[in-house]
Amino acid sequence: APAFLIAFLIAIWWIVVDRSDSPIFPTPGEVATG
């Protein structure tokens, strides 16, 4: 259950940042790359 919750939160994070087209706040992929 914790793993599914974390995955769900990461997915929400990615979708929100992607749709907002924020030039500052990073996506999970950018965070992992950095």
PDB file of all heavy atoms in Angstrom:
ATOM      1  N   ALA A   1       0.809  -1.215   0.000  1.00  0.00           N
ATOM      2  CA  ALA A   1       0.000   0.000   0.000  1.00  0.00           C
ATOM      3  C   ALA A   1       0.845   1.270   0.000  1.00  0.00           C
ATOM      4  O   ALA A   1       0.550   2.210  -0.752  1.00  0.00           O
ATOM      5  CB  ALA A   1      -0.957  -0.020   1.187  1.00  0.00           C
ATOM      6  N   PRO A   2       1.914   1.368   0.820  1.00  0.00           N
ATOM      7  CA  PRO A   2       2.749   2.579   0.764  1.00  0.00           C
ATOM      8  C   PRO A   2       3.361   2.812  -0.614  1.00  0.00           C
ATOM      9  O   PRO A   2       3.445   3.955  -1.069  1.00  0.00           O
ATOM     10  CB  PRO A   2       3.825   2.311   1.822  1.00  0.00           C
ATOM     11  CG  PRO A   2       3.198   1.351   2.774  1.00  0.00           C
ATOM     12  CD  PRO A   2       2.342   0.475   1.919  1.00  0.00           C
ATOM     13  N   ALA A   3       3.786   1.730  -1.285  1.00  0.00           N
ATOM     14  CA  ALA A   3       4.390   1.877  -2.610  1.00  0.00           C
ATOM     15  C   ALA A   3       3.371   2.408  -3.615  1.00  0.00           C
ATOM     16  O   ALA A   3       3.687   3.285  -4.438  1.00  0.00           O
ATOM     17  CB  ALA A   3       4.945   0.529  -3.082  1.00  0.00           C
ATOM     18  N   PHE A   4       2.142   1.902  -3.552  1.00  0.00           N
ATOM     19  CA  PHE A   4       1.093   2.391  -4.458  1.00  0.00           C
ATOM     20  C   PHE A   4       0.768   3.860  -4.166  1.00  0.00           C
ATOM     21  O   PHE A   4       0.541   4.648  -5.087  1.00  0.00           O
ATOM     22  CB  PHE A   4      -0.167   1.538  -4.317  1.00  0.00           C
ATOM     23  CG  PHE A   4      -0.081   0.226  -5.038  1.00  0.00           C
ATOM     24  CD1 PHE A   4      -0.179  -0.967  -4.337  1.00  0.00           C
ATOM     25  CD2 PHE A   4       0.090   0.181  -6.418  1.00  0.00           C
ATOM     26  CE1 PHE A   4      -0.103  -2.178  -5.001  1.00  0.00           C
ATOM     27  CE2 PHE A   4       0.172  -1.030  -7.084  1.00  0.00           C
ATOM     28  CZ  PHE A   4       0.078  -2.221  -6.371  1.00  0.00           C
ATOM     29  N   LEU A   5       0.747   4.221  -2.886  1.00  0.00           N
ATOM     30  CA  LEU A   5       0.466   5.614  -2.520  1.00  0.00           C
ATOM     31  C   LEU A   5       1.548   6.542  -3.053  1.00  0.00           C
ATOM     32  O   LEU A   5       1.246   7.615  -3.616  1.00  0.00           O
ATOM     33  CB  LEU A   5       0.360   5.741  -1.004  1.00  0.00           C
ATOM     34  CG  LEU A   5       0.156   7.164  -0.465  1.00  0.00           C
ATOM     35  CD1 LEU A   5      -1.136   7.770  -1.018  1.00  0.00           C
ATOM     36  CD2 LEU A   5       0.152   7.161   1.051  1.00  0.00           C
ATOM     37  N   ILE A   6       2.802   6.157  -2.890  1.00  0.00           N
ATOM     38  CA  ILE A   6       3.908   6.987  -3.383  1.00  0.00           C
ATOM     39  C   ILE A   6       3.850   7.110  -4.898  1.00  0.00           C
ATOM     40  O   ILE A   6       4.021   8.200  -5.461  1.00  0.00           O
ATOM     41  CB  ILE A   6       5.258   6.398  -2.922  1.00  0.00           C
ATOM     42  CG1 ILE A   6       5.389   6.524  -1.405  1.00  0.00           C
ATOM     43  CG2 ILE A   6       6.417   7.102  -3.619  1.00  0.00           C
ATOM     44  CD1 ILE A   6       6.596   5.821  -0.836  1.00  0.00           C
ATOM     45  N   ALA A   7       3.588   5.986  -5.567  1.00  0.00           N
ATOM     46  CA  ALA A   7       3.480   6.026  -7.026  1.00  0.00           C
ATOM     47  C   ALA A   7       2.336   6.930  -7.472  1.00  0.00           C
ATOM     48  O   ALA A   7       2.456   7.685  -8.458  1.00  0.00           O
ATOM     49  CB  ALA A   7       3.291   4.614  -7.570  1.00  0.00           C
ATOM     50  N   PHE A   8       1.235   6.866  -6.758  1.00  0.00           N
ATOM     51  CA  PHE A   8       0.084   7.714  -7.090  1.00  0.00           C
ATOM     52  C   PHE A   8       0.428   9.194  -6.924  1.00  0.00           C
ATOM     53  O   PHE A   8       0.104  10.028  -7.781  1.00  0.00           O
ATOM     54  CB  PHE A   8      -1.098   7.337  -6.191  1.00  0.00           C
ATOM     55  CG  PHE A   8      -2.295   8.229  -6.349  1.00  0.00           C
ATOM     56  CD1 PHE A   8      -3.121   8.124  -7.462  1.00  0.00           C
ATOM     57  CD2 PHE A   8      -2.598   9.170  -5.376  1.00  0.00           C
ATOM     58  CE1 PHE A   8      -4.228   8.954  -7.607  1.00  0.00           C
ATOM     59  CE2 PHE A   8      -3.702   9.996  -5.514  1.00  0.00           C
ATOM     60  CZ  PHE A   8      -4.510   9.893  -6.641  1.00  0.00           C
ATOM     61  N   LEU A   9       1.102   9.543  -5.830  1.00  0.00           N
ATOM     62  CA  LEU A   9       1.481  10.927  -5.586  1.00  0.00           C
ATOM     63  C   LEU A   9       2.471  11.432  -6.636  1.00  0.00           C
ATOM     64  O   LEU A   9       2.385  12.587  -7.082  1.00  0.00           O
ATOM     65  CB  LEU A   9       2.080  11.072  -4.184  1.00  0.00           C
ATOM     66  CG  LEU A   9       1.114  10.831  -3.019  1.00  0.00           C
ATOM     67  CD1 LEU A   9       1.856  10.901  -1.690  1.00  0.00           C
ATOM     68  CD2 LEU A   9      -0.031  11.838  -3.049  1.00  0.00           C
ATOM     69  N   ILE A  10       3.399  10.575  -7.037  1.00  0.00           N
ATOM     70  CA  ILE A  10       4.356  10.961  -8.086  1.00  0.00           C
ATOM     71  C   ILE A  10       3.630  11.209  -9.399  1.00  0.00           C
ATOM     72  O   ILE A  10       3.931  12.166 -10.132  1.00  0.00           O
ATOM     73  CB  ILE A  10       5.444   9.881  -8.247  1.00  0.00           C
ATOM     74  CG1 ILE A  10       6.347   9.859  -7.010  1.00  0.00           C
ATOM     75  CG2 ILE A  10       6.275  10.138  -9.504  1.00  0.00           C
ATOM     76  CD1 ILE A  10       7.364   8.744  -7.013  1.00  0.00           C
ATOM     77  N   ALA A  11       2.660  10.354  -9.700  1.00  0.00           N
ATOM     78  CA  ALA A  11       1.894  10.536 -10.932  1.00  0.00           C
ATOM     79  C   ALA A  11       1.117  11.851 -10.904  1.00  0.00           C
ATOM     80  O   ALA A  11       1.089  12.594 -11.908  1.00  0.00           O
ATOM     81  CB  ALA A  11       0.945   9.355 -11.121  1.00  0.00           C
ATOM     82  N   ILE A  12       0.482  12.159  -9.781  1.00  0.00           N
ATOM     83  CA  ILE A  12      -0.238  13.433  -9.641  1.00  0.00           C
ATOM     84  C   ILE A  12       0.723  14.604  -9.802  1.00  0.00           C
ATOM     85  O   ILE A  12       0.420  15.594 -10.491  1.00  0.00           O
ATOM     86  CB  ILE A  12      -0.954  13.496  -8.286  1.00  0.00           C
ATOM     87  CG1 ILE A  12      -2.054  12.430  -8.201  1.00  0.00           C
ATOM     88  CG2 ILE A  12      -1.528  14.886  -8.049  1.00  0.00           C
ATOM     89  CD1 ILE A  12      -3.161  12.615  -9.208  1.00  0.00           C
ATOM     90  N   TRP A  13       1.872  14.504  -9.165  1.00  0.00           N
ATOM     91  CA  TRP A  13       2.896  15.546  -9.273  1.00  0.00           C
ATOM     92  C   TRP A  13       3.281  15.772 -10.737  1.00  0.00           C
ATOM     93  O   TRP A  13       3.328  16.906 -11.212  1.00  0.00           O
ATOM     94  CB  TRP A  13       4.082  15.123  -8.412  1.00  0.00           C
ATOM     95  CG  TRP A  13       5.358  15.908  -8.592  1.00  0.00           C
ATOM     96  CD1 TRP A  13       5.531  17.113  -9.204  1.00  0.00           C
ATOM     97  CD2 TRP A  13       6.649  15.508  -8.126  1.00  0.00           C
ATOM     98  NE1 TRP A  13       6.846  17.494  -9.165  1.00  0.00           N
ATOM     99  CE2 TRP A  13       7.548  16.536  -8.506  1.00  0.00           C
ATOM    100  CE3 TRP A  13       7.128  14.396  -7.424  1.00  0.00           C
ATOM    101  CZ2 TRP A  13       8.916  16.460  -8.202  1.00  0.00           C
ATOM    102  CZ3 TRP A  13       8.473  14.331  -7.124  1.00  0.00           C
ATOM    103  CH2 TRP A  13       9.355  15.354  -7.512  1.00  0.00           C
ATOM    104  N   TRP A  14       3.541  14.690 -11.442  1.00  0.00           N
ATOM    105  CA  TRP A  14       3.968  14.789 -12.841  1.00  0.00           C
ATOM    106  C   TRP A  14       2.874  15.434 -13.709  1.00  0.00           C
ATOM    107  O   TRP A  14       3.138  16.312 -14.526  1.00  0.00           O
ATOM    108  CB  TRP A  14       4.319  13.400 -13.369  1.00  0.00           C
ATOM    109  CG  TRP A  14       5.295  13.439 -14.513  1.00  0.00           C
ATOM    110  CD1 TRP A  14       5.277  14.253 -15.607  1.00  0.00           C
ATOM    111  CD2 TRP A  14       6.450  12.619 -14.655  1.00  0.00           C
ATOM    112  NE1 TRP A  14       6.323  13.999 -16.427  1.00  0.00           N
ATOM    113  CE2 TRP A  14       7.072  13.005 -15.868  1.00  0.00           C
ATOM    114  CE3 TRP A  14       7.018  11.594 -13.905  1.00  0.00           C
ATOM    115  CZ2 TRP A  14       8.233  12.388 -16.343  1.00  0.00           C
ATOM    116  CZ3 TRP A  14       8.179  10.996 -14.368  1.00  0.00           C
ATOM    117  CH2 TRP A  14       8.775  11.386 -15.574  1.00  0.00           C
ATOM    118  N   ILE A  15       1.642  14.995 -13.491  1.00  0.00           N
ATOM    119  CA  ILE A  15       0.539  15.517 -14.309  1.00  0.00           C
ATOM    120  C   ILE A  15       0.324  17.006 -14.040  1.00  0.00           C
ATOM    121  O   ILE A  15       0.155  17.798 -14.976  1.00  0.00           O
ATOM    122  CB  ILE A  15      -0.755  14.717 -14.021  1.00  0.00           C
ATOM    123  CG1 ILE A  15      -0.609  13.284 -14.541  1.00  0.00           C
ATOM    124  CG2 ILE A  15      -1.964  15.399 -14.653  1.00  0.00           C
ATOM    125  CD1 ILE A  15      -1.732  12.368 -14.100  1.00  0.00           C
ATOM    126  N   VAL A  16       0.346  17.394 -12.756  1.00  0.00           N
ATOM    127  CA  VAL A  16       0.107  18.794 -12.406  1.00  0.00           C
ATOM    128  C   VAL A  16       1.187  19.699 -12.993  1.00  0.00           C
ATOM    129  O   VAL A  16       0.899  20.752 -13.585  1.00  0.00           O
ATOM    130  CB  VAL A  16       0.031  18.957 -10.880  1.00  0.00           C
ATOM    131  CG1 VAL A  16       0.032  20.439 -10.498  1.00  0.00           C
ATOM    132  CG2 VAL A  16      -1.207  18.268 -10.331  1.00  0.00           C
ATOM    133  N   VAL A  17       2.444  19.314 -12.855  1.00  0.00           N
ATOM    134  CA  VAL A  17       3.535  20.137 -13.375  1.00  0.00           C
ATOM    135  C   VAL A  17       3.491  20.186 -14.896  1.00  0.00           C
ATOM    136  O   VAL A  17       3.708  21.243 -15.513  1.00  0.00           O
ATOM    137  CB  VAL A  17       4.898  19.592 -12.887  1.00  0.00           C
ATOM    138  CG1 VAL A  17       6.049  20.362 -13.543  1.00  0.00           C
ATOM    139  CG2 VAL A  17       5.004  19.690 -11.377  1.00  0.00           C
ATOM    140  N   ASP A  18       3.187  19.044 -15.506  1.00  0.00           N
ATOM    141  CA  ASP A  18       3.150  18.998 -16.967  1.00  0.00           C
ATOM    142  C   ASP A  18       2.031  19.887 -17.524  1.00  0.00           C
ATOM    143  O   ASP A  18       2.231  20.609 -18.509  1.00  0.00           O
ATOM    144  CB  ASP A  18       2.957  17.557 -17.427  1.00  0.00           C
ATOM    145  CG  ASP A  18       3.034  17.425 -18.937  1.00  0.00           C
ATOM    146  OD1 ASP A  18       4.097  17.715 -19.500  1.00  0.00           O
ATOM    147  OD2 ASP A  18       2.012  17.042 -19.550  1.00  0.00           O
ATOM    148  N   ARG A  19       0.874  19.857 -16.892  1.00  0.00           N
ATOM    149  CA  ARG A  19      -0.250  20.653 -17.394  1.00  0.00           C
ATOM    150  C   ARG A  19      -0.100  22.145 -17.069  1.00  0.00           C
ATOM    151  O   ARG A  19      -0.599  22.991 -17.816  1.00  0.00           O
ATOM    152  CB  ARG A  19      -1.555  20.124 -16.805  1.00  0.00           C
ATOM    153  CG  ARG A  19      -1.940  18.753 -17.353  1.00  0.00           C
ATOM    154  CD  ARG A  19      -3.344  18.372 -16.957  1.00  0.00           C
ATOM    155  NE  ARG A  19      -3.753  17.109 -17.565  1.00  0.00           N
ATOM    156  CZ  ARG A  19      -4.953  16.563 -17.415  1.00  0.00           C
ATOM    157  NH1 ARG A  19      -5.872  17.170 -16.660  1.00  0.00           N
ATOM    158  NH2 ARG A  19      -5.253  15.420 -17.999  1.00  0.00           N
ATOM    159  N   SER A  20       0.588  22.448 -15.973  1.00  0.00           N
ATOM    160  CA  SER A  20       0.779  23.860 -15.627  1.00  0.00           C
ATOM    161  C   SER A  20       1.870  24.506 -16.458  1.00  0.00           C
ATOM    162  O   SER A  20       1.970  25.735 -16.520  1.00  0.00           O
ATOM    163  CB  SER A  20       1.126  23.992 -14.145  1.00  0.00           C
ATOM    164  OG  SER A  20       2.378  23.385 -13.865  1.00  0.00           O
ATOM    165  N   ASP A  21       2.692  23.664 -17.077  1.00  0.00           N
ATOM    166  CA  ASP A  21       3.791  24.162 -17.916  1.00  0.00           C
ATOM    167  C   ASP A  21       4.666  25.136 -17.124  1.00  0.00           C
ATOM    168  O   ASP A  21       5.056  26.197 -17.620  1.00  0.00           O
ATOM    169  CB  ASP A  21       3.244  24.841 -19.174  1.00  0.00           C
ATOM    170  CG  ASP A  21       4.318  24.986 -20.253  1.00  0.00           C
ATOM    171  OD1 ASP A  21       5.297  24.212 -20.212  1.00  0.00           O
ATOM    172  OD2 ASP A  21       4.191  25.892 -21.097  1.00  0.00           O
ATOM    173  N   SER A  22       4.963  24.769 -15.877  1.00  0.00           N
ATOM    174  CA  SER A  22       5.750  25.637 -14.998  1.00  0.00           C
ATOM    175  C   SER A  22       7.206  25.670 -15.451  1.00  0.00           C
ATOM    176  O   SER A  22       7.822  24.618 -15.661  1.00  0.00           O
ATOM    177  CB  SER A  22       5.672  25.140 -13.551  1.00  0.00           C
ATOM    178  OG  SER A  22       6.562  25.851 -12.730  1.00  0.00           O
ATOM    179  N   PRO A  23       7.795  26.862 -15.608  1.00  0.00           N
ATOM    180  CA  PRO A  23       9.203  26.952 -15.988  1.00  0.00           C
ATOM    181  C   PRO A  23      10.150  26.753 -14.808  1.00  0.00           C
ATOM    182  O   PRO A  23      11.363  26.671 -14.990  1.00  0.00           O
ATOM    183  CB  PRO A  23       9.315  28.384 -16.525  1.00  0.00           C
ATOM    184  CG  PRO A  23       8.294  29.148 -15.746  1.00  0.00           C
ATOM    185  CD  PRO A  23       7.160  28.191 -15.495  1.00  0.00           C
ATOM    186  N   ILE A  24       9.597  26.720 -13.601  1.00  0.00           N
ATOM    187  CA  ILE A  24      10.437  26.640 -12.403  1.00  0.00           C
ATOM    188  C   ILE A  24      10.322  25.283 -11.737  1.00  0.00           C
ATOM    189  O   ILE A  24      11.321  24.602 -11.503  1.00  0.00           O
ATOM    190  CB  ILE A  24      10.063  27.758 -11.404  1.00  0.00           C
ATOM    191  CG1 ILE A  24      10.333  29.133 -12.028  1.00  0.00           C
ATOM    192  CG2 ILE A  24      10.845  27.600 -10.116  1.00  0.00           C
ATOM    193  CD1 ILE A  24       9.956  30.284 -11.127  1.00  0.00           C
ATOM    194  N   PHE A  25       9.075  24.876 -11.424  1.00  0.00           N
ATOM    195  CA  PHE A  25       8.903  23.649 -10.654  1.00  0.00           C
ATOM    196  C   PHE A  25       9.203  22.438 -11.527  1.00  0.00           C
ATOM    197  O   PHE A  25       8.662  22.307 -12.626  1.00  0.00           O
ATOM    198  CB  PHE A  25       7.484  23.553 -10.098  1.00  0.00           C
ATOM    199  CG  PHE A  25       7.394  22.674  -8.884  1.00  0.00           C
ATOM    200  CD1 PHE A  25       7.763  23.155  -7.642  1.00  0.00           C
ATOM    201  CD2 PHE A  25       6.972  21.367  -8.979  1.00  0.00           C
ATOM    202  CE1 PHE A  25       7.685  22.363  -6.516  1.00  0.00           C
ATOM    203  CE2 PHE A  25       6.897  20.558  -7.867  1.00  0.00           C
ATOM    204  CZ  PHE A  25       7.257  21.054  -6.626  1.00  0.00           C
ATOM    205  N   PRO A  26      10.065  21.512 -11.081  1.00  0.00           N
ATOM    206  CA  PRO A  26      10.506  20.388 -11.923  1.00  0.00           C
ATOM    207  C   PRO A  26       9.541  19.210 -11.888  1.00  0.00           C
ATOM    208  O   PRO A  26       8.755  19.046 -10.953  1.00  0.00           O
ATOM    209  CB  PRO A  26      11.839  20.003 -11.295  1.00  0.00           C
ATOM    210  CG  PRO A  26      11.649  20.306  -9.840  1.00  0.00           C
ATOM    211  CD  PRO A  26      10.781  21.537  -9.785  1.00  0.00           C
ATOM    212  N   THR A  27       9.621  18.396 -12.913  1.00  0.00           N
ATOM    213  CA  THR A  27       8.893  17.129 -12.960  1.00  0.00           C
ATOM    214  C   THR A  27       9.685  16.076 -12.188  1.00  0.00           C
ATOM    215  O   THR A  27      10.885  16.267 -11.923  1.00  0.00           O
ATOM    216  CB  THR A  27       8.692  16.654 -14.392  1.00  0.00           C
ATOM    217  OG1 THR A  27       9.981  16.371 -14.959  1.00  0.00           O
ATOM    218  CG2 THR A  27       7.978  17.708 -15.231  1.00  0.00           C
ATOM    219  N   PRO A  28       9.067  14.961 -11.825  1.00  0.00           N
ATOM    220  CA  PRO A  28       9.834  13.890 -11.169  1.00  0.00           C
ATOM    221  C   PRO A  28      11.006  13.415 -12.008  1.00  0.00           C
ATOM    222  O   PRO A  28      12.060  13.080 -11.459  1.00  0.00           O
ATOM    223  CB  PRO A  28       8.783  12.785 -10.993  1.00  0.00           C
ATOM    224  CG  PRO A  28       7.488  13.513 -10.915  1.00  0.00           C
ATOM    225  CD  PRO A  28       7.617  14.665 -11.842  1.00  0.00           C
ATOM    226  N   GLY A  29      10.848  13.396 -13.322  1.00  0.00           N
ATOM    227  CA  GLY A  29      11.954  12.981 -14.187  1.00  0.00           C
ATOM    228  C   GLY A  29      13.141  13.923 -14.086  1.00  0.00           C
ATOM    229  O   GLY A  29      14.304  13.488 -14.037  1.00  0.00           O
ATOM    230  N   GLU A  30      12.877  15.217 -14.049  1.00  0.00           N
ATOM    231  CA  GLU A  30      13.957  16.195 -13.929  1.00  0.00           C
ATOM    232  C   GLU A  30      14.645  16.100 -12.572  1.00  0.00           C
ATOM    233  O   GLU A  30      15.872  16.258 -12.469  1.00  0.00           O
ATOM    234  CB  GLU A  30      13.394  17.602 -14.138  1.00  0.00           C
ATOM    235  CG  GLU A  30      12.933  17.860 -15.565  1.00  0.00           C
ATOM    236  CD  GLU A  30      12.147  19.152 -15.704  1.00  0.00           C
ATOM    237  OE1 GLU A  30      11.625  19.646 -14.675  1.00  0.00           O
ATOM    238  OE2 GLU A  30      12.055  19.653 -16.839  1.00  0.00           O
ATOM    239  N   VAL A  31      13.869  15.832 -11.547  1.00  0.00           N
ATOM    240  CA  VAL A  31      14.445  15.664 -10.214  1.00  0.00           C
ATOM    241  C   VAL A  31      15.365  14.444 -10.180  1.00  0.00           C
ATOM    242  O   VAL A  31      16.483  14.501  -9.648  1.00  0.00           O
ATOM    243  CB  VAL A  31      13.331  15.521  -9.163  1.00  0.00           C
ATOM    244  CG1 VAL A  31      13.917  15.113  -7.802  1.00  0.00           C
ATOM    245  CG2 VAL A  31      12.559  16.823  -9.022  1.00  0.00           C
ATOM    246  N   ALA A  32      14.903  13.344 -10.747  1.00  0.00           N
ATOM    247  CA  ALA A  32      15.717  12.126 -10.783  1.00  0.00           C
ATOM    248  C   ALA A  32      16.989  12.340 -11.597  1.00  0.00           C
ATOM    249  O   ALA A  32      18.072  11.875 -11.210  1.00  0.00           O
ATOM    250  CB  ALA A  32      14.900  10.968 -11.356  1.00  0.00           C
ATOM    251  N   THR A  33      16.881  13.058 -12.706  1.00  0.00           N
ATOM    252  CA  THR A  33      18.050  13.319 -13.548  1.00  0.00           C
ATOM    253  C   THR A  33      19.078  14.170 -12.813  1.00  0.00           C
ATOM    254  O   THR A  33      20.286  13.896 -12.844  1.00  0.00           O
ATOM    255  CB  THR A  33      17.628  14.040 -14.844  1.00  0.00           C
ATOM    256  OG1 THR A  33      16.699  13.212 -15.554  1.00  0.00           O
ATOM    257  CG2 THR A  33      18.831  14.322 -15.727  1.00  0.00           C
ATOM    258  N   GLY A  34      18.603  15.214 -12.118  1.00  0.00           N
ATOM    259  CA  GLY A  34      19.516  16.064 -11.359  1.00  0.00           C
ATOM    260  C   GLY A  34      20.201  15.313 -10.234  1.00  0.00           C
ATOM    261  O   GLY A  34      21.411  15.470 -10.005  1.00  0.00           O
TER     262      GLY A  34
END
